[in-house]
């Protein structure tokens, strides 16, 4: 099956963001609603993706070979529940990884991480974008959530055990 340029671009997003959800692809693709994402996947990329046991979208090995991007994580490590040695993420996620509390520190709220981002990088993302970045890092097994009055976050791994590559082509939004 020959893919169009748009299909290859969107398949690259699936590979780069995996494991991912409809909402993340909706944001990346600029479409309205998770049903539009599902319809596109089924109509155009059915042979190149699957849903894992947690219903997260993952690229097939063939999809990884078709596109010239690094997968967002080491899929085998995450499937085992291990932290990957390397992740490729948008700039905001890399910045969040740098400022979120370490594994031995008290976990932080989204607002606390947002404040740390403002101080460390002179950026001002929306709180929702920071929350999404934290959740994506959680799905990659490098951040863990602790539920107190509000969900709070900290690294699940030592910062220096994971190589973080910034993917300039995606914003994470």
C-alpha atoms as a PDB file:
ATOM      1  CA  UNK A   1       0.000   0.000   0.000  1.00  0.00           C
ATOM      2  CA  UNK A   2       1.464   3.344  -1.073  1.00  0.00           C
ATOM      3  CA  UNK A   3       0.894   6.216   1.343  1.00  0.00           C
ATOM      4  CA  UNK A   4       0.361   9.872   0.453  1.00  0.00           C
ATOM      5  CA  UNK A   5       2.569  12.574   1.948  1.00  0.00           C
ATOM      6  CA  UNK A   6      -0.173  13.466   4.436  1.00  0.00           C
ATOM      7  CA  UNK A   7      -0.566   9.816   5.466  1.00  0.00           C
ATOM      8  CA  UNK A   8       3.199   9.477   5.939  1.00  0.00           C
ATOM      9  CA  UNK A   9       3.277  12.669   8.019  1.00  0.00           C
ATOM     10  CA  UNK A  10       0.461  11.446  10.211  1.00  0.00           C
ATOM     11  CA  UNK A  11       2.023   7.994  10.509  1.00  0.00           C
ATOM     12  CA  UNK A  12       5.232   9.709  11.624  1.00  0.00           C
ATOM     13  CA  UNK A  13       3.202  11.421  14.356  1.00  0.00           C
ATOM     14  CA  UNK A  14       1.896   8.048  15.521  1.00  0.00           C
ATOM     15  CA  UNK A  15       5.442   6.650  15.641  1.00  0.00           C
ATOM     16  CA  UNK A  16       6.862   9.728  17.374  1.00  0.00           C
ATOM     17  CA  UNK A  17       4.097  10.079  19.972  1.00  0.00           C
ATOM     18  CA  UNK A  18       3.543   6.420  20.790  1.00  0.00           C
ATOM     19  CA  UNK A  19       2.070   5.245  23.017  1.00  0.00           C
ATOM     20  CA  UNK A  20      -0.565   7.869  22.389  1.00  0.00           C
ATOM     21  CA  UNK A  21      -4.280   8.563  22.567  1.00  0.00           C
ATOM     22  CA  UNK A  22      -6.831   9.961  20.156  1.00  0.00           C
ATOM     23  CA  UNK A  23      -6.698  13.341  21.954  1.00  0.00           C
ATOM     24  CA  UNK A  24      -2.942  13.733  21.386  1.00  0.00           C
ATOM     25  CA  UNK A  25      -3.280  12.910  17.706  1.00  0.00           C
ATOM     26  CA  UNK A  26      -6.284  15.241  17.490  1.00  0.00           C
ATOM     27  CA  UNK A  27      -4.060  18.063  18.768  1.00  0.00           C
ATOM     28  CA  UNK A  28      -1.129  17.098  16.535  1.00  0.00           C
ATOM     29  CA  UNK A  29      -3.285  16.811  13.429  1.00  0.00           C
ATOM     30  CA  UNK A  30      -5.590  19.754  14.099  1.00  0.00           C
ATOM     31  CA  UNK A  31      -8.767  17.708  13.643  1.00  0.00           C
ATOM     32  CA  UNK A  32     -11.987  17.987  15.603  1.00  0.00           C
ATOM     33  CA  UNK A  33     -12.666  15.121  17.954  1.00  0.00           C
ATOM     34  CA  UNK A  34     -11.299  11.721  18.756  1.00  0.00           C
ATOM     35  CA  UNK A  35     -13.790  10.151  16.387  1.00  0.00           C
ATOM     36  CA  UNK A  36     -12.135  11.996  13.472  1.00  0.00           C
ATOM     37  CA  UNK A  37      -8.779  10.565  14.567  1.00  0.00           C
ATOM     38  CA  UNK A  38     -10.221   7.055  14.842  1.00  0.00           C
ATOM     39  CA  UNK A  39     -11.874   7.353  11.437  1.00  0.00           C
ATOM     40  CA  UNK A  40      -8.617   8.546   9.841  1.00  0.00           C
ATOM     41  CA  UNK A  41      -6.616   5.750  11.448  1.00  0.00           C
ATOM     42  CA  UNK A  42      -9.093   3.129  10.276  1.00  0.00           C
ATOM     43  CA  UNK A  43      -9.539   4.583   6.778  1.00  0.00           C
ATOM     44  CA  UNK A  44      -5.894   5.416   6.030  1.00  0.00           C
ATOM     45  CA  UNK A  45      -3.479   3.755   8.456  1.00  0.00           C
ATOM     46  CA  UNK A  46      -5.231   0.567   9.533  1.00  0.00           C
ATOM     47  CA  UNK A  47      -2.274  -1.649   8.576  1.00  0.00           C
ATOM     48  CA  UNK A  48       0.218   0.479  10.487  1.00  0.00           C
ATOM     49  CA  UNK A  49      -1.148   0.868  14.001  1.00  0.00           C
ATOM     50  CA  UNK A  50      -2.708  -1.129  16.796  1.00  0.00           C
ATOM     51  CA  UNK A  51      -4.074  -0.526  20.272  1.00  0.00           C
ATOM     52  CA  UNK A  52      -2.288  -2.115  23.211  1.00  0.00           C
ATOM     53  CA  UNK A  53      -3.901  -3.625  26.324  1.00  0.00           C
ATOM     54  CA  UNK A  54      -4.418  -0.128  27.736  1.00  0.00           C
ATOM     55  CA  UNK A  55      -6.070   1.051  24.472  1.00  0.00           C
ATOM     56  CA  UNK A  56      -3.098   3.278  23.674  1.00  0.00           C
ATOM     57  CA  UNK A  57      -2.229   3.703  20.005  1.00  0.00           C
ATOM     58  CA  UNK A  58       1.084   2.181  18.900  1.00  0.00           C
ATOM     59  CA  UNK A  59       2.797   1.898  15.538  1.00  0.00           C
ATOM     60  CA  UNK A  60       3.573  -1.463  13.990  1.00  0.00           C
ATOM     61  CA  UNK A  61       7.155  -2.435  13.199  1.00  0.00           C
ATOM     62  CA  UNK A  62       6.383  -1.834   9.525  1.00  0.00           C
ATOM     63  CA  UNK A  63       5.220   1.715  10.333  1.00  0.00           C
ATOM     64  CA  UNK A  64       8.470   2.369  12.200  1.00  0.00           C
ATOM     65  CA  UNK A  65      10.391   1.273   9.106  1.00  0.00           C
ATOM     66  CA  UNK A  66       8.327   3.446   6.736  1.00  0.00           C
ATOM     67  CA  UNK A  67       8.919   6.796   8.389  1.00  0.00           C
ATOM     68  CA  UNK A  68      12.175   8.542   9.125  1.00  0.00           C
ATOM     69  CA  UNK A  69      11.546   9.467  12.762  1.00  0.00           C
ATOM     70  CA  UNK A  70      12.618   8.020  16.055  1.00  0.00           C
ATOM     71  CA  UNK A  71       9.894   6.337  18.062  1.00  0.00           C
ATOM     72  CA  UNK A  72       8.946   8.412  21.085  1.00  0.00           C
ATOM     73  CA  UNK A  73      10.086   5.676  23.458  1.00  0.00           C
ATOM     74  CA  UNK A  74      11.525   2.242  23.628  1.00  0.00           C
ATOM     75  CA  UNK A  75       8.244   0.381  23.246  1.00  0.00           C
ATOM     76  CA  UNK A  76       9.491  -2.910  24.712  1.00  0.00           C
ATOM     77  CA  UNK A  77      10.685  -1.233  27.907  1.00  0.00           C
ATOM     78  CA  UNK A  78       7.388   0.519  28.499  1.00  0.00           C
ATOM     79  CA  UNK A  79       5.424  -2.637  27.736  1.00  0.00           C
ATOM     80  CA  UNK A  80       7.364  -4.293  30.569  1.00  0.00           C
ATOM     81  CA  UNK A  81       6.711  -1.287  32.807  1.00  0.00           C
ATOM     82  CA  UNK A  82      10.384  -0.262  32.742  1.00  0.00           C
ATOM     83  CA  UNK A  83      11.656   3.236  32.128  1.00  0.00           C
ATOM     84  CA  UNK A  84      13.288   3.700  28.725  1.00  0.00           C
ATOM     85  CA  UNK A  85      16.921   4.776  28.360  1.00  0.00           C
ATOM     86  CA  UNK A  86      15.970   7.317  25.701  1.00  0.00           C
ATOM     87  CA  UNK A  87      12.902   9.367  24.850  1.00  0.00           C
ATOM     88  CA  UNK A  88      12.275  11.719  21.970  1.00  0.00           C
ATOM     89  CA  UNK A  89       9.846  14.438  22.974  1.00  0.00           C
ATOM     90  CA  UNK A  90       8.713  17.935  22.037  1.00  0.00           C
ATOM     91  CA  UNK A  91      10.590  20.845  23.653  1.00  0.00           C
ATOM     92  CA  UNK A  92       7.970  21.471  26.368  1.00  0.00           C
ATOM     93  CA  UNK A  93       8.137  17.851  27.539  1.00  0.00           C
ATOM     94  CA  UNK A  94      11.944  18.043  27.629  1.00  0.00           C
ATOM     95  CA  UNK A  95      11.721  21.228  29.701  1.00  0.00           C
ATOM     96  CA  UNK A  96       9.170  19.627  32.048  1.00  0.00           C
ATOM     97  CA  UNK A  97      11.495  16.632  32.450  1.00  0.00           C
ATOM     98  CA  UNK A  98      14.273  19.034  33.476  1.00  0.00           C
ATOM     99  CA  UNK A  99      12.292  20.884  36.169  1.00  0.00           C
ATOM    100  CA  UNK A 100       9.872  18.359  37.679  1.00  0.00           C
ATOM    101  CA  UNK A 101      10.790  17.059  41.122  1.00  0.00           C
ATOM    102  CA  UNK A 102      13.281  14.193  41.237  1.00  0.00           C
ATOM    103  CA  UNK A 103      12.361  10.682  42.380  1.00  0.00           C
ATOM    104  CA  UNK A 104      13.420  11.368  45.987  1.00  0.00           C
ATOM    105  CA  UNK A 105      11.774  14.798  46.201  1.00  0.00           C
ATOM    106  CA  UNK A 106       8.238  15.808  47.153  1.00  0.00           C
ATOM    107  CA  UNK A 107       5.979  15.586  44.102  1.00  0.00           C
ATOM    108  CA  UNK A 108       4.737  18.815  42.503  1.00  0.00           C
ATOM    109  CA  UNK A 109       1.383  20.061  41.315  1.00  0.00           C
ATOM    110  CA  UNK A 110       0.919  21.185  37.715  1.00  0.00           C
ATOM    111  CA  UNK A 111       1.011  24.808  38.905  1.00  0.00           C
ATOM    112  CA  UNK A 112       4.290  24.194  40.728  1.00  0.00           C
ATOM    113  CA  UNK A 113       5.834  22.652  37.587  1.00  0.00           C
ATOM    114  CA  UNK A 114       4.499  25.607  35.561  1.00  0.00           C
ATOM    115  CA  UNK A 115       6.204  28.033  37.968  1.00  0.00           C
ATOM    116  CA  UNK A 116       9.459  26.085  37.707  1.00  0.00           C
ATOM    117  CA  UNK A 117       9.241  26.227  33.891  1.00  0.00           C
ATOM    118  CA  UNK A 118       8.703  29.989  33.958  1.00  0.00           C
ATOM    119  CA  UNK A 119      11.709  30.458  36.223  1.00  0.00           C
ATOM    120  CA  UNK A 120      14.082  28.043  34.483  1.00  0.00           C
ATOM    121  CA  UNK A 121      13.245  28.680  30.830  1.00  0.00           C
ATOM    122  CA  UNK A 122      11.450  32.044  30.708  1.00  0.00           C
ATOM    123  CA  UNK A 123       8.459  30.409  29.000  1.00  0.00           C
ATOM    124  CA  UNK A 124       4.762  30.740  29.789  1.00  0.00           C
ATOM    125  CA  UNK A 125       2.818  27.682  28.590  1.00  0.00           C
ATOM    126  CA  UNK A 126      -0.784  27.149  29.620  1.00  0.00           C
ATOM    127  CA  UNK A 127      -1.389  24.915  32.637  1.00  0.00           C
ATOM    128  CA  UNK A 128      -3.256  22.451  30.388  1.00  0.00           C
ATOM    129  CA  UNK A 129      -0.208  22.083  28.150  1.00  0.00           C
ATOM    130  CA  UNK A 130       1.974  21.368  31.198  1.00  0.00           C
ATOM    131  CA  UNK A 131      -0.551  18.802  32.473  1.00  0.00           C
ATOM    132  CA  UNK A 132      -0.600  17.049  29.077  1.00  0.00           C
ATOM    133  CA  UNK A 133       3.214  17.027  28.978  1.00  0.00           C
ATOM    134  CA  UNK A 134       3.342  15.470  32.452  1.00  0.00           C
ATOM    135  CA  UNK A 135       0.791  12.804  31.498  1.00  0.00           C
ATOM    136  CA  UNK A 136       2.686  11.946  28.307  1.00  0.00           C
ATOM    137  CA  UNK A 137       5.881  11.583  30.339  1.00  0.00           C
ATOM    138  CA  UNK A 138       3.959   9.425  32.797  1.00  0.00           C
ATOM    139  CA  UNK A 139       2.890   7.108  29.962  1.00  0.00           C
ATOM    140  CA  UNK A 140       6.547   6.850  28.978  1.00  0.00           C
ATOM    141  CA  UNK A 141       7.303   5.638  32.544  1.00  0.00           C
ATOM    142  CA  UNK A 142       9.664   8.497  33.377  1.00  0.00           C
ATOM    143  CA  UNK A 143       7.239  10.487  35.554  1.00  0.00           C
ATOM    144  CA  UNK A 144       4.946   9.145  38.243  1.00  0.00           C
ATOM    145  CA  UNK A 145       1.807  10.642  39.708  1.00  0.00           C
ATOM    146  CA  UNK A 146       0.958  10.837  43.392  1.00  0.00           C
ATOM    147  CA  UNK A 147      -2.586  11.717  44.322  1.00  0.00           C
ATOM    148  CA  UNK A 148      -2.875  14.162  47.209  1.00  0.00           C
ATOM    149  CA  UNK A 149      -5.480  16.932  47.193  1.00  0.00           C
ATOM    150  CA  UNK A 150      -4.644  17.290  43.502  1.00  0.00           C
ATOM    151  CA  UNK A 151      -2.534  15.023  41.298  1.00  0.00           C
ATOM    152  CA  UNK A 152       1.152  15.746  41.816  1.00  0.00           C
ATOM    153  CA  UNK A 153       4.131  14.586  39.796  1.00  0.00           C
ATOM    154  CA  UNK A 154       7.784  13.647  40.155  1.00  0.00           C
ATOM    155  CA  UNK A 155      10.326  11.732  38.137  1.00  0.00           C
ATOM    156  CA  UNK A 156      10.053   7.966  38.327  1.00  0.00           C
ATOM    157  CA  UNK A 157      13.731   7.671  37.347  1.00  0.00           C
ATOM    158  CA  UNK A 158      16.964   9.487  38.025  1.00  0.00           C
ATOM    159  CA  UNK A 159      17.205  12.355  35.564  1.00  0.00           C
ATOM    160  CA  UNK A 160      20.638  11.278  34.325  1.00  0.00           C
ATOM    161  CA  UNK A 161      19.503   7.742  33.415  1.00  0.00           C
ATOM    162  CA  UNK A 162      17.340   8.921  30.504  1.00  0.00           C
ATOM    163  CA  UNK A 163      18.642  10.611  27.384  1.00  0.00           C
ATOM    164  CA  UNK A 164      16.096  13.194  26.234  1.00  0.00           C
ATOM    165  CA  UNK A 165      16.083  14.158  22.562  1.00  0.00           C
ATOM    166  CA  UNK A 166      14.085  17.232  21.620  1.00  0.00           C
ATOM    167  CA  UNK A 167      11.900  16.755  18.591  1.00  0.00           C
ATOM    168  CA  UNK A 168      11.752  20.238  17.061  1.00  0.00           C
ATOM    169  CA  UNK A 169       9.001  19.274  14.623  1.00  0.00           C
ATOM    170  CA  UNK A 170       6.281  18.734  17.218  1.00  0.00           C
ATOM    171  CA  UNK A 171       5.086  21.125  19.872  1.00  0.00           C
ATOM    172  CA  UNK A 172       3.399  18.587  22.135  1.00  0.00           C
ATOM    173  CA  UNK A 173       0.271  20.710  22.013  1.00  0.00           C
END
